[in-house]
């Protein structure tokens, strides 16, 4: 049975994504944007805090902004690229040892 792609890439404006962040996260994001970082997407896990995902083009790496505004460059999940185009479309795959249920 063929599986259809369930990930979508709705292109939200940076302004729309910023509205979802708290003040500490917005402050940190503002500072990081001066160094080229960009807010790629915001995950909305059920019954859990939002997970803003940032991209650093210099190192081609991803990080998340914690609720207190700190940058976590080693998130407990793998960000997978879209299987056709290679772009990240908000898909996250949690490692079994550090899934949100174990936080």
C-alpha atoms as a PDB file:
ATOM      1  CA  UNK A   1       0.000   0.000   0.000  1.00  0.00           C
ATOM      2  CA  UNK A   2       1.495   3.321  -1.067  1.00  0.00           C
ATOM      3  CA  UNK A   3       1.626   6.027   1.515  1.00  0.00           C
ATOM      4  CA  UNK A   4       0.794   9.579   0.572  1.00  0.00           C
ATOM      5  CA  UNK A   5       2.852  12.469   1.788  1.00  0.00           C
ATOM      6  CA  UNK A   6       1.140  14.079   4.789  1.00  0.00           C
ATOM      7  CA  UNK A   7       3.645  16.841   5.388  1.00  0.00           C
ATOM      8  CA  UNK A   8       2.754  20.174   3.906  1.00  0.00           C
ATOM      9  CA  UNK A   9       4.756  23.315   3.522  1.00  0.00           C
ATOM     10  CA  UNK A  10       2.397  26.192   4.127  1.00  0.00           C
ATOM     11  CA  UNK A  11       4.513  29.286   3.634  1.00  0.00           C
ATOM     12  CA  UNK A  12       3.656  31.391   6.638  1.00  0.00           C
ATOM     13  CA  UNK A  13       5.184  34.806   6.795  1.00  0.00           C
ATOM     14  CA  UNK A  14       7.851  35.417   9.392  1.00  0.00           C
ATOM     15  CA  UNK A  15       5.497  37.923  10.997  1.00  0.00           C
ATOM     16  CA  UNK A  16       2.806  35.254  11.437  1.00  0.00           C
ATOM     17  CA  UNK A  17       5.287  32.819  12.967  1.00  0.00           C
ATOM     18  CA  UNK A  18       6.704  35.478  15.289  1.00  0.00           C
ATOM     19  CA  UNK A  19       3.259  36.107  16.772  1.00  0.00           C
ATOM     20  CA  UNK A  20       3.269  32.596  18.171  1.00  0.00           C
ATOM     21  CA  UNK A  21       6.460  33.155  20.186  1.00  0.00           C
ATOM     22  CA  UNK A  22       6.612  34.519  23.710  1.00  0.00           C
ATOM     23  CA  UNK A  23       8.600  37.655  24.549  1.00  0.00           C
ATOM     24  CA  UNK A  24      11.790  35.822  25.564  1.00  0.00           C
ATOM     25  CA  UNK A  25      11.750  33.792  22.336  1.00  0.00           C
ATOM     26  CA  UNK A  26      11.151  36.908  20.209  1.00  0.00           C
ATOM     27  CA  UNK A  27      14.066  38.697  21.905  1.00  0.00           C
ATOM     28  CA  UNK A  28      16.430  35.788  21.263  1.00  0.00           C
ATOM     29  CA  UNK A  29      15.218  35.430  17.694  1.00  0.00           C
ATOM     30  CA  UNK A  30      15.856  39.125  17.056  1.00  0.00           C
ATOM     31  CA  UNK A  31      19.442  38.761  18.238  1.00  0.00           C
ATOM     32  CA  UNK A  32      20.037  35.580  16.234  1.00  0.00           C
ATOM     33  CA  UNK A  33      18.616  37.098  13.047  1.00  0.00           C
ATOM     34  CA  UNK A  34      21.463  39.607  13.148  1.00  0.00           C
ATOM     35  CA  UNK A  35      23.779  36.628  12.567  1.00  0.00           C
ATOM     36  CA  UNK A  36      21.752  35.089   9.754  1.00  0.00           C
ATOM     37  CA  UNK A  37      19.538  32.685  11.694  1.00  0.00           C
ATOM     38  CA  UNK A  38      15.946  32.402  10.497  1.00  0.00           C
ATOM     39  CA  UNK A  39      12.722  31.065  11.941  1.00  0.00           C
ATOM     40  CA  UNK A  40      11.726  28.184   9.664  1.00  0.00           C
ATOM     41  CA  UNK A  41       8.550  26.907  11.294  1.00  0.00           C
ATOM     42  CA  UNK A  42       6.763  26.425  14.584  1.00  0.00           C
ATOM     43  CA  UNK A  43       5.667  22.936  15.595  1.00  0.00           C
ATOM     44  CA  UNK A  44       2.432  22.496  17.535  1.00  0.00           C
ATOM     45  CA  UNK A  45       2.705  19.181  19.403  1.00  0.00           C
ATOM     46  CA  UNK A  46      -0.523  18.128  21.111  1.00  0.00           C
ATOM     47  CA  UNK A  47      -0.759  19.111  24.776  1.00  0.00           C
ATOM     48  CA  UNK A  48       2.806  20.465  24.740  1.00  0.00           C
ATOM     49  CA  UNK A  49       4.470  23.858  24.354  1.00  0.00           C
ATOM     50  CA  UNK A  50       5.185  25.188  20.877  1.00  0.00           C
ATOM     51  CA  UNK A  51       8.533  24.269  19.338  1.00  0.00           C
ATOM     52  CA  UNK A  52      10.019  27.103  17.239  1.00  0.00           C
ATOM     53  CA  UNK A  53      12.616  25.698  14.826  1.00  0.00           C
ATOM     54  CA  UNK A  54      15.426  27.956  13.606  1.00  0.00           C
ATOM     55  CA  UNK A  55      17.928  27.460  10.798  1.00  0.00           C
ATOM     56  CA  UNK A  56      21.556  28.591  10.746  1.00  0.00           C
ATOM     57  CA  UNK A  57      22.607  28.883   7.077  1.00  0.00           C
ATOM     58  CA  UNK A  58      26.312  29.213   7.930  1.00  0.00           C
ATOM     59  CA  UNK A  59      26.472  25.775   9.515  1.00  0.00           C
ATOM     60  CA  UNK A  60      23.412  24.420   7.716  1.00  0.00           C
ATOM     61  CA  UNK A  61      21.989  23.275  11.000  1.00  0.00           C
ATOM     62  CA  UNK A  62      18.760  23.498  12.934  1.00  0.00           C
ATOM     63  CA  UNK A  63      18.047  24.430  16.523  1.00  0.00           C
ATOM     64  CA  UNK A  64      14.998  25.118  18.658  1.00  0.00           C
ATOM     65  CA  UNK A  65      14.095  28.006  20.925  1.00  0.00           C
ATOM     66  CA  UNK A  66      13.155  26.878  24.398  1.00  0.00           C
ATOM     67  CA  UNK A  67      10.294  28.573  26.263  1.00  0.00           C
ATOM     68  CA  UNK A  68      12.752  30.664  28.292  1.00  0.00           C
ATOM     69  CA  UNK A  69      14.393  31.979  25.100  1.00  0.00           C
ATOM     70  CA  UNK A  70      17.518  29.836  25.229  1.00  0.00           C
ATOM     71  CA  UNK A  71      18.793  28.285  22.026  1.00  0.00           C
ATOM     72  CA  UNK A  72      18.999  24.486  21.974  1.00  0.00           C
ATOM     73  CA  UNK A  73      21.359  23.464  19.186  1.00  0.00           C
ATOM     74  CA  UNK A  74      20.963  19.783  20.017  1.00  0.00           C
ATOM     75  CA  UNK A  75      17.208  19.186  19.980  1.00  0.00           C
ATOM     76  CA  UNK A  76      15.958  15.738  21.006  1.00  0.00           C
ATOM     77  CA  UNK A  77      14.626  15.009  17.523  1.00  0.00           C
ATOM     78  CA  UNK A  78      15.732  14.708  13.909  1.00  0.00           C
ATOM     79  CA  UNK A  79      14.410  17.135  11.327  1.00  0.00           C
ATOM     80  CA  UNK A  80      13.809  15.230   8.121  1.00  0.00           C
ATOM     81  CA  UNK A  81      13.831  16.848   4.672  1.00  0.00           C
ATOM     82  CA  UNK A  82      10.917  16.345   2.312  1.00  0.00           C
ATOM     83  CA  UNK A  83      11.479  13.162   0.321  1.00  0.00           C
ATOM     84  CA  UNK A  84      10.950  14.798  -3.076  1.00  0.00           C
ATOM     85  CA  UNK A  85      12.459  18.252  -2.929  1.00  0.00           C
ATOM     86  CA  UNK A  86      14.806  18.024   0.055  1.00  0.00           C
ATOM     87  CA  UNK A  87      13.241  21.079   1.711  1.00  0.00           C
ATOM     88  CA  UNK A  88      12.292  20.909   5.359  1.00  0.00           C
ATOM     89  CA  UNK A  89       8.523  21.106   5.616  1.00  0.00           C
ATOM     90  CA  UNK A  90       8.069  20.986   9.354  1.00  0.00           C
ATOM     91  CA  UNK A  91       8.499  17.264   9.722  1.00  0.00           C
ATOM     92  CA  UNK A  92      10.039  16.085  12.939  1.00  0.00           C
ATOM     93  CA  UNK A  93      10.854  12.556  13.960  1.00  0.00           C
ATOM     94  CA  UNK A  94      11.364  12.041  17.681  1.00  0.00           C
ATOM     95  CA  UNK A  95      14.037   9.680  18.957  1.00  0.00           C
ATOM     96  CA  UNK A  96      12.541   6.941  21.142  1.00  0.00           C
ATOM     97  CA  UNK A  97      14.827   7.682  24.094  1.00  0.00           C
ATOM     98  CA  UNK A  98      13.822  11.323  24.338  1.00  0.00           C
ATOM     99  CA  UNK A  99      10.240  11.517  23.113  1.00  0.00           C
ATOM    100  CA  UNK A 100       8.074  14.275  24.594  1.00  0.00           C
ATOM    101  CA  UNK A 101       6.277  11.733  26.768  1.00  0.00           C
ATOM    102  CA  UNK A 102       9.569  11.168  28.636  1.00  0.00           C
ATOM    103  CA  UNK A 103      10.254  14.858  29.290  1.00  0.00           C
END
